[in-house]
Structure formats: C-alpha cells, structure tokens
Amino acid sequence: QVQLVESGGGLVQAGVSLRLSCAASGRTFSNYAMGWFRQAPGKEREFVAGISSSGGNTYYVHSVKGRFTISRDDAKNTVYLQMDTLKPEDTAVYYCAAAIYFSLYIPSTEAQYAYWGQGTQVTVSS
C-alpha cells in the first residue's frame, strides 16, 4: 500500500504560480512512477504530468507543457507540480497518483495507476 497526501492548492489569480506537493508513505517511493491528474467541474479526470521512477523522464499534456514542471525528491518521498502562468482553465481538483513502473516509463492513463491521493483544489480567477 502507498498513501498519498496532496497539498498546496488554493485560490489564485491568473498569471501567478502555485506549487503542489504530494507526500507518499508506505512502500519504497523510488519504485513508483508518479503522475498528476486533474478534474475540472463537469469534465472527466485527465492526465497532466508524469515522472518516471528513476526521475530521468517526464511527460506533460500539451496544454500545460512549458508552464508546469513535475519533479520528485525521493529522500523526502515527495513529488511536486510547479505550476506557472496559471490560467482559469487550469481550475480543477488535482490528484497525484503512483504506479509501479520501473526505469523511464511514464504511464498516462488512470487505469495504470494503483494509488491515489484525495485531491487538492486549485482555482484560478481571471
């Protein structure tokens, strides 16, 4: 079992930055690829960004590429999502998730992730 707890969400104005954190406990964190997903009101949950278990590979959905950065600190069992130049369309509940994939592979579908956090709300006003 892996327990995930997100933090760092909030209400911000467009153009500013936020950093989300996801603290993991349980199994060996470095064995897991980590992902961030989001779900906007009335929409399905979508993949946002992922990082491989090795930390050597990252992947972003097109809409956030160049604005969001995913990183991990295995010493702290934490994955981060730095979100810059936020837009109103980034408003959503953000979830982190863990998938046991090794090396450079980054899963990008919900079904590939076994463990999920409870989510943190990000609201961007115009």
C-alpha atoms as a PDB file:
ATOM      1  CA  GLN A   1       0.000   0.000   0.000  1.00  0.00           C
ATOM      2  CA  VAL A   2       1.031   3.557  -0.721  1.00  0.00           C
ATOM      3  CA  GLN A   3      -0.656   6.513   0.906  1.00  0.00           C
ATOM      4  CA  LEU A   4      -0.592   9.838  -0.913  1.00  0.00           C
ATOM      5  CA  VAL A   5      -1.457  13.239   0.502  1.00  0.00           C
ATOM      6  CA  GLU A   6      -1.588  16.327  -1.688  1.00  0.00           C
ATOM      7  CA  SER A   7      -1.184  19.896  -0.505  1.00  0.00           C
ATOM      8  CA  GLY A   8      -0.575  23.360  -1.891  1.00  0.00           C
ATOM      9  CA  GLY A   9      -3.811  24.097  -3.680  1.00  0.00           C
ATOM     10  CA  GLY A  10      -5.686  27.351  -3.331  1.00  0.00           C
ATOM     11  CA  LEU A  11      -7.425  30.294  -4.948  1.00  0.00           C
ATOM     12  CA  VAL A  12      -5.135  32.448  -7.076  1.00  0.00           C
ATOM     13  CA  GLN A  13      -5.338  34.981  -9.846  1.00  0.00           C
ATOM     14  CA  ALA A  14      -4.408  34.201 -13.403  1.00  0.00           C
ATOM     15  CA  GLY A  15      -0.725  34.555 -14.168  1.00  0.00           C
ATOM     16  CA  VAL A  16       0.642  33.571 -10.791  1.00  0.00           C
ATOM     17  CA  SER A  17       2.325  30.364  -9.688  1.00  0.00           C
ATOM     18  CA  LEU A  18       1.486  27.537  -7.299  1.00  0.00           C
ATOM     19  CA  ARG A  19       3.423  24.502  -6.243  1.00  0.00           C
ATOM     20  CA  LEU A  20       1.580  21.348  -5.355  1.00  0.00           C
ATOM     21  CA  SER A  21       3.185  18.701  -3.197  1.00  0.00           C
ATOM     22  CA  CYS A  22       2.321  15.052  -2.787  1.00  0.00           C
ATOM     23  CA  ALA A  23       3.785  13.224   0.180  1.00  0.00           C
ATOM     24  CA  ALA A  24       3.952   9.453  -0.042  1.00  0.00           C
ATOM     25  CA  SER A  25       4.223   6.842   2.673  1.00  0.00           C
ATOM     26  CA  GLY A  26       4.222   3.091   2.680  1.00  0.00           C
ATOM     27  CA  ARG A  27       6.194   1.192   0.082  1.00  0.00           C
ATOM     28  CA  THR A  28       9.517   2.224  -1.462  1.00  0.00           C
ATOM     29  CA  PHE A  29       8.754   5.524  -3.153  1.00  0.00           C
ATOM     30  CA  SER A  30      11.569   5.221  -5.687  1.00  0.00           C
ATOM     31  CA  ASN A  31       9.927   2.156  -7.215  1.00  0.00           C
ATOM     32  CA  TYR A  32       6.963   4.179  -8.409  1.00  0.00           C
ATOM     33  CA  ALA A  33       6.326   6.347 -11.396  1.00  0.00           C
ATOM     34  CA  MET A  34       4.290   9.328 -10.246  1.00  0.00           C
ATOM     35  CA  GLY A  35       1.615  11.272 -12.029  1.00  0.00           C
ATOM     36  CA  TRP A  36      -0.576  14.306 -11.589  1.00  0.00           C
ATOM     37  CA  PHE A  37      -4.130  14.293 -12.871  1.00  0.00           C
ATOM     38  CA  ARG A  38      -6.858  16.900 -12.675  1.00  0.00           C
ATOM     39  CA  GLN A  39     -10.618  17.001 -12.868  1.00  0.00           C
ATOM     40  CA  ALA A  40     -12.493  20.155 -13.730  1.00  0.00           C
ATOM     41  CA  PRO A  41     -16.199  20.566 -12.917  1.00  0.00           C
ATOM     42  CA  GLY A  42     -18.310  18.576 -15.331  1.00  0.00           C
ATOM     43  CA  LYS A  43     -15.305  17.007 -17.025  1.00  0.00           C
ATOM     44  CA  GLU A  44     -13.509  13.712 -16.851  1.00  0.00           C
ATOM     45  CA  ARG A  45     -10.261  13.380 -14.968  1.00  0.00           C
ATOM     46  CA  GLU A  46      -7.274  13.949 -17.237  1.00  0.00           C
ATOM     47  CA  PHE A  47      -3.575  13.233 -17.084  1.00  0.00           C
ATOM     48  CA  VAL A  48      -1.461  16.360 -16.575  1.00  0.00           C
ATOM     49  CA  ALA A  49       2.127  15.307 -15.971  1.00  0.00           C
ATOM     50  CA  GLY A  50       4.186  12.279 -15.051  1.00  0.00           C
ATOM     51  CA  ILE A  51       7.673  11.433 -13.919  1.00  0.00           C
ATOM     52  CA  SER A  52       9.403   8.098 -14.176  1.00  0.00           C
ATOM     53  CA  SER A  53      10.524   6.128 -11.142  1.00  0.00           C
ATOM     54  CA  SER A  54      14.119   6.985 -11.976  1.00  0.00           C
ATOM     55  CA  GLY A  55      13.245  10.670 -12.252  1.00  0.00           C
ATOM     56  CA  GLY A  56      15.028  10.742 -15.579  1.00  0.00           C
ATOM     57  CA  ASN A  57      11.965  11.161 -17.734  1.00  0.00           C
ATOM     58  CA  THR A  58       8.971  13.477 -17.620  1.00  0.00           C
ATOM     59  CA  TYR A  59       5.876  13.864 -19.760  1.00  0.00           C
ATOM     60  CA  TYR A  60       3.246  16.588 -19.979  1.00  0.00           C
ATOM     61  CA  VAL A  61      -0.104  17.029 -21.592  1.00  0.00           C
ATOM     62  CA  HIS A  62       0.112  19.621 -24.353  1.00  0.00           C
ATOM     63  CA  SER A  63      -1.991  22.221 -22.546  1.00  0.00           C
ATOM     64  CA  VAL A  64       0.494  22.577 -19.670  1.00  0.00           C
ATOM     65  CA  LYS A  65       3.774  21.969 -21.425  1.00  0.00           C
ATOM     66  CA  GLY A  66       6.148  24.849 -20.798  1.00  0.00           C
ATOM     67  CA  ARG A  67       4.119  26.108 -17.817  1.00  0.00           C
ATOM     68  CA  PHE A  68       4.103  23.132 -15.419  1.00  0.00           C
ATOM     69  CA  THR A  69       7.088  21.202 -14.107  1.00  0.00           C
ATOM     70  CA  ILE A  70       6.927  17.880 -12.313  1.00  0.00           C
ATOM     71  CA  SER A  71       9.784  16.801 -10.072  1.00  0.00           C
ATOM     72  CA  ARG A  72      10.442  14.339  -7.294  1.00  0.00           C
ATOM     73  CA  ASP A  73      12.584  14.167  -4.178  1.00  0.00           C
ATOM     74  CA  ASP A  74      12.988  10.538  -3.230  1.00  0.00           C
ATOM     75  CA  ALA A  75      14.750  11.461   0.016  1.00  0.00           C
ATOM     76  CA  LYS A  76      11.539  13.203   1.087  1.00  0.00           C
ATOM     77  CA  ASN A  77       9.145  10.759  -0.591  1.00  0.00           C
ATOM     78  CA  THR A  78       7.547  13.707  -2.292  1.00  0.00           C
ATOM     79  CA  VAL A  79       6.536  14.642  -5.819  1.00  0.00           C
ATOM     80  CA  TYR A  80       5.906  18.233  -6.820  1.00  0.00           C
ATOM     81  CA  LEU A  81       3.992  20.035  -9.522  1.00  0.00           C
ATOM     82  CA  GLN A  82       5.227  23.562 -10.115  1.00  0.00           C
ATOM     83  CA  MET A  83       2.512  25.453 -11.953  1.00  0.00           C
ATOM     84  CA  ASP A  84       3.466  28.758 -13.531  1.00  0.00           C
ATOM     85  CA  THR A  85       1.447  31.260 -15.524  1.00  0.00           C
ATOM     86  CA  LEU A  86      -1.779  29.757 -14.301  1.00  0.00           C
ATOM     87  CA  LYS A  87      -4.906  30.192 -16.401  1.00  0.00           C
ATOM     88  CA  PRO A  88      -8.588  29.992 -15.449  1.00  0.00           C
ATOM     89  CA  GLU A  89      -8.828  26.770 -17.460  1.00  0.00           C
ATOM     90  CA  ASP A  90      -6.365  25.183 -15.027  1.00  0.00           C
ATOM     91  CA  THR A  91      -9.082  25.291 -12.374  1.00  0.00           C
ATOM     92  CA  ALA A  92      -9.648  21.741 -11.161  1.00  0.00           C
ATOM     93  CA  VAL A  93      -9.112  19.283  -8.372  1.00  0.00           C
ATOM     94  CA  TYR A  94      -5.574  17.988  -8.733  1.00  0.00           C
ATOM     95  CA  TYR A  95      -4.718  14.421  -7.796  1.00  0.00           C
ATOM     96  CA  CYS A  96      -1.383  12.695  -7.502  1.00  0.00           C
ATOM     97  CA  ALA A  97      -1.082   9.012  -8.240  1.00  0.00           C
ATOM     98  CA  ALA A  98       1.503   6.259  -8.035  1.00  0.00           C
ATOM     99  CA  ALA A  99       2.162   3.419 -10.447  1.00  0.00           C
ATOM    100  CA  ILE A 100       4.718   0.671 -10.052  1.00  0.00           C
ATOM    101  CA  TYR A 101       6.656   1.023 -13.264  1.00  0.00           C
ATOM    102  CA  PHE A 102      10.401   0.943 -13.340  1.00  0.00           C
ATOM    103  CA  SER A 103      13.040   2.954 -15.117  1.00  0.00           C
ATOM    104  CA  LEU A 104      11.963   5.548 -17.695  1.00  0.00           C
ATOM    105  CA  TYR A 105       8.398   4.523 -18.466  1.00  0.00           C
ATOM    106  CA  ILE A 106       5.625   7.002 -17.600  1.00  0.00           C
ATOM    107  CA  PRO A 107       2.065   5.719 -17.551  1.00  0.00           C
ATOM    108  CA  SER A 108      -0.538   8.240 -18.661  1.00  0.00           C
ATOM    109  CA  THR A 109      -3.891   6.543 -18.103  1.00  0.00           C
ATOM    110  CA  GLU A 110      -5.874   6.285 -14.885  1.00  0.00           C
ATOM    111  CA  ALA A 111      -6.033   2.517 -15.092  1.00  0.00           C
ATOM    112  CA  GLN A 112      -2.256   2.272 -14.880  1.00  0.00           C
ATOM    113  CA  TYR A 113      -2.107   3.996 -11.507  1.00  0.00           C
ATOM    114  CA  ALA A 114      -2.813   1.900  -8.433  1.00  0.00           C
ATOM    115  CA  TYR A 115      -2.736   4.521  -5.700  1.00  0.00           C
ATOM    116  CA  TRP A 116      -4.377   7.934  -5.497  1.00  0.00           C
ATOM    117  CA  GLY A 117      -4.444  10.892  -3.180  1.00  0.00           C
ATOM    118  CA  GLN A 118      -7.587  12.653  -2.069  1.00  0.00           C
ATOM    119  CA  GLY A 119      -7.028  15.679  -4.276  1.00  0.00           C
ATOM    120  CA  THR A 120      -6.403  19.367  -3.733  1.00  0.00           C
ATOM    121  CA  GLN A 121      -8.468  22.178  -5.218  1.00  0.00           C
ATOM    122  CA  VAL A 122      -6.848  24.745  -7.479  1.00  0.00           C
ATOM    123  CA  THR A 123      -8.992  27.697  -8.509  1.00  0.00           C
ATOM    124  CA  VAL A 124      -7.657  30.318 -10.896  1.00  0.00           C
ATOM    125  CA  SER A 125      -9.641  33.520 -11.243  1.00  0.00           C
ATOM    126  CA  SER A 126      -9.429  35.773 -14.259  1.00  0.00           C
END
